[in-house]
Amino acid sequence: MTNQELLENGPEGWTHVEVFEGEHYSPQKPYFFRLKFAPWCNRPQYSAWDAGNEIWLEGLPRSGSMRSRPDIERIVYLESVLKGEAV
């Protein structure tokens, strides 16, 4: 999935994404997360998007190779600049 596709297909409110790559993970399905402050434990906590039920559940990243939405947005913008599409 391309960076642009991640931005277009992510659920509302997502802040991070984890995409597994390699022969053991097929098809390459992205796992969307949102990072929010959890007042009950006084620290940030991830919620994972359950696409089947369309709800956020408490969840942890699986591989530790998370990508933030702002980083993906910057990459998409820079790619559009290189293509001459950015205004």
C-alpha atoms as a PDB file:
ATOM      1  CA  MET A   1       0.000   0.000   0.000  1.00  0.00           C
ATOM      2  CA  THR A   2       1.404   3.385  -0.955  1.00  0.00           C
ATOM      3  CA  ASN A   3       1.680   6.345   1.396  1.00  0.00           C
ATOM      4  CA  GLN A   4      -1.157   8.080  -0.470  1.00  0.00           C
ATOM      5  CA  GLU A   5      -3.363   4.988  -0.103  1.00  0.00           C
ATOM      6  CA  LEU A   6      -2.658   4.881   3.633  1.00  0.00           C
ATOM      7  CA  LEU A   7      -3.853   8.485   3.961  1.00  0.00           C
ATOM      8  CA  GLU A   8      -6.952   7.814   1.866  1.00  0.00           C
ATOM      9  CA  ASN A   9      -7.962   4.516   3.485  1.00  0.00           C
ATOM     10  CA  GLY A  10      -7.148   5.025   7.162  1.00  0.00           C
ATOM     11  CA  PRO A  11      -9.950   5.303   9.712  1.00  0.00           C
ATOM     12  CA  GLU A  12     -10.833   8.692  11.158  1.00  0.00           C
ATOM     13  CA  GLY A  13      -8.550   9.639  14.029  1.00  0.00           C
ATOM     14  CA  TRP A  14      -5.574   7.419  13.224  1.00  0.00           C
ATOM     15  CA  THR A  15      -2.163   8.724  14.254  1.00  0.00           C
ATOM     16  CA  HIS A  16       0.168   5.804  13.459  1.00  0.00           C
ATOM     17  CA  VAL A  17       0.287   2.862  11.096  1.00  0.00           C
ATOM     18  CA  GLU A  18       2.208  -0.388  11.018  1.00  0.00           C
ATOM     19  CA  VAL A  19       2.606  -2.274   7.736  1.00  0.00           C
ATOM     20  CA  PHE A  20       4.185  -5.699   7.750  1.00  0.00           C
ATOM     21  CA  GLU A  21       6.456  -6.551   4.865  1.00  0.00           C
ATOM     22  CA  GLY A  22       8.074  -9.791   3.907  1.00  0.00           C
ATOM     23  CA  GLU A  23       7.209 -13.314   2.906  1.00  0.00           C
ATOM     24  CA  HIS A  24       5.443 -14.216   6.162  1.00  0.00           C
ATOM     25  CA  TYR A  25       2.849 -11.441   5.881  1.00  0.00           C
ATOM     26  CA  SER A  26       0.605 -11.696   2.862  1.00  0.00           C
ATOM     27  CA  PRO A  27      -1.318  -9.728   1.874  1.00  0.00           C
ATOM     28  CA  GLN A  28       0.320  -6.623   3.312  1.00  0.00           C
ATOM     29  CA  LYS A  29      -2.473  -5.313   5.491  1.00  0.00           C
ATOM     30  CA  PRO A  30      -1.874  -2.076   7.384  1.00  0.00           C
ATOM     31  CA  TYR A  31      -2.710  -1.887  11.065  1.00  0.00           C
ATOM     32  CA  PHE A  32      -3.917   1.562  12.076  1.00  0.00           C
ATOM     33  CA  PHE A  33      -3.433   2.953  15.576  1.00  0.00           C
ATOM     34  CA  ARG A  34      -4.274   6.122  17.414  1.00  0.00           C
ATOM     35  CA  LEU A  35      -2.238   7.475  20.278  1.00  0.00           C
ATOM     36  CA  LYS A  36      -4.133   9.183  23.073  1.00  0.00           C
ATOM     37  CA  PHE A  37      -3.332  10.188  26.611  1.00  0.00           C
ATOM     38  CA  ALA A  38      -4.743   7.723  29.159  1.00  0.00           C
ATOM     39  CA  PRO A  39      -5.490   9.653  32.354  1.00  0.00           C
ATOM     40  CA  TRP A  40      -6.071   6.476  34.387  1.00  0.00           C
ATOM     41  CA  CYS A  41      -2.447   5.424  33.953  1.00  0.00           C
ATOM     42  CA  ASN A  42      -0.965   8.900  33.363  1.00  0.00           C
ATOM     43  CA  ARG A  43       0.690   7.969  30.071  1.00  0.00           C
ATOM     44  CA  PRO A  44       0.009   7.739  26.320  1.00  0.00           C
ATOM     45  CA  GLN A  45      -1.705   4.586  25.119  1.00  0.00           C
ATOM     46  CA  TYR A  46      -2.367   3.053  21.701  1.00  0.00           C
ATOM     47  CA  SER A  47      -5.737   1.913  20.415  1.00  0.00           C
ATOM     48  CA  ALA A  48      -5.892  -0.378  17.378  1.00  0.00           C
ATOM     49  CA  TRP A  49      -8.536  -0.094  14.663  1.00  0.00           C
ATOM     50  CA  ASP A  50     -10.704  -3.186  14.262  1.00  0.00           C
ATOM     51  CA  ALA A  51     -11.892  -2.783  10.658  1.00  0.00           C
ATOM     52  CA  GLY A  52     -14.307  -5.703  10.885  1.00  0.00           C
ATOM     53  CA  ASN A  53     -16.284  -4.122  13.716  1.00  0.00           C
ATOM     54  CA  GLU A  54     -15.296  -0.509  12.932  1.00  0.00           C
ATOM     55  CA  ILE A  55     -14.256   0.290  16.501  1.00  0.00           C
ATOM     56  CA  TRP A  56     -11.081   1.248  18.348  1.00  0.00           C
ATOM     57  CA  LEU A  57      -9.726  -1.379  20.766  1.00  0.00           C
ATOM     58  CA  GLU A  58      -6.812  -1.244  23.162  1.00  0.00           C
ATOM     59  CA  GLY A  59      -3.864  -2.575  21.242  1.00  0.00           C
ATOM     60  CA  LEU A  60      -0.118  -2.671  21.012  1.00  0.00           C
ATOM     61  CA  PRO A  61       2.124  -2.431  17.969  1.00  0.00           C
ATOM     62  CA  ARG A  62       3.290  -5.845  16.819  1.00  0.00           C
ATOM     63  CA  SER A  63       6.681  -5.162  15.275  1.00  0.00           C
ATOM     64  CA  GLY A  64       7.771  -1.868  16.767  1.00  0.00           C
ATOM     65  CA  SER A  65       8.142  -0.321  13.310  1.00  0.00           C
ATOM     66  CA  MET A  66       5.379   2.257  13.557  1.00  0.00           C
ATOM     67  CA  ARG A  67       5.084   5.219  11.185  1.00  0.00           C
ATOM     68  CA  SER A  68       3.390   8.437  12.216  1.00  0.00           C
ATOM     69  CA  ARG A  69       0.683  10.114  10.151  1.00  0.00           C
ATOM     70  CA  PRO A  70       2.542  13.472  10.019  1.00  0.00           C
ATOM     71  CA  ASP A  71       5.601  11.694   8.579  1.00  0.00           C
ATOM     72  CA  ILE A  72       3.475   9.994   5.916  1.00  0.00           C
ATOM     73  CA  GLU A  73       1.787  13.308   5.077  1.00  0.00           C
ATOM     74  CA  ARG A  74       5.218  14.940   4.641  1.00  0.00           C
ATOM     75  CA  ILE A  75       6.391  12.133   2.366  1.00  0.00           C
ATOM     76  CA  VAL A  76       3.252  12.400   0.204  1.00  0.00           C
ATOM     77  CA  TYR A  77       3.751  16.166  -0.040  1.00  0.00           C
ATOM     78  CA  LEU A  78       7.425  15.834  -0.993  1.00  0.00           C
ATOM     79  CA  GLU A  79       6.574  13.191  -3.589  1.00  0.00           C
ATOM     80  CA  SER A  80       4.040  15.595  -5.118  1.00  0.00           C
ATOM     81  CA  VAL A  81       6.698  18.342  -5.191  1.00  0.00           C
ATOM     82  CA  LEU A  82       9.081  16.044  -7.057  1.00  0.00           C
ATOM     83  CA  LYS A  83       6.320  15.238  -9.552  1.00  0.00           C
ATOM     84  CA  GLY A  84       5.542  18.942  -9.980  1.00  0.00           C
ATOM     85  CA  GLU A  85       1.997  18.524  -8.583  1.00  0.00           C
ATOM     86  CA  ALA A  86       2.310  20.574  -5.377  1.00  0.00           C
ATOM     87  CA  VAL A  87       1.094  24.149  -5.351  1.00  0.00           C
END
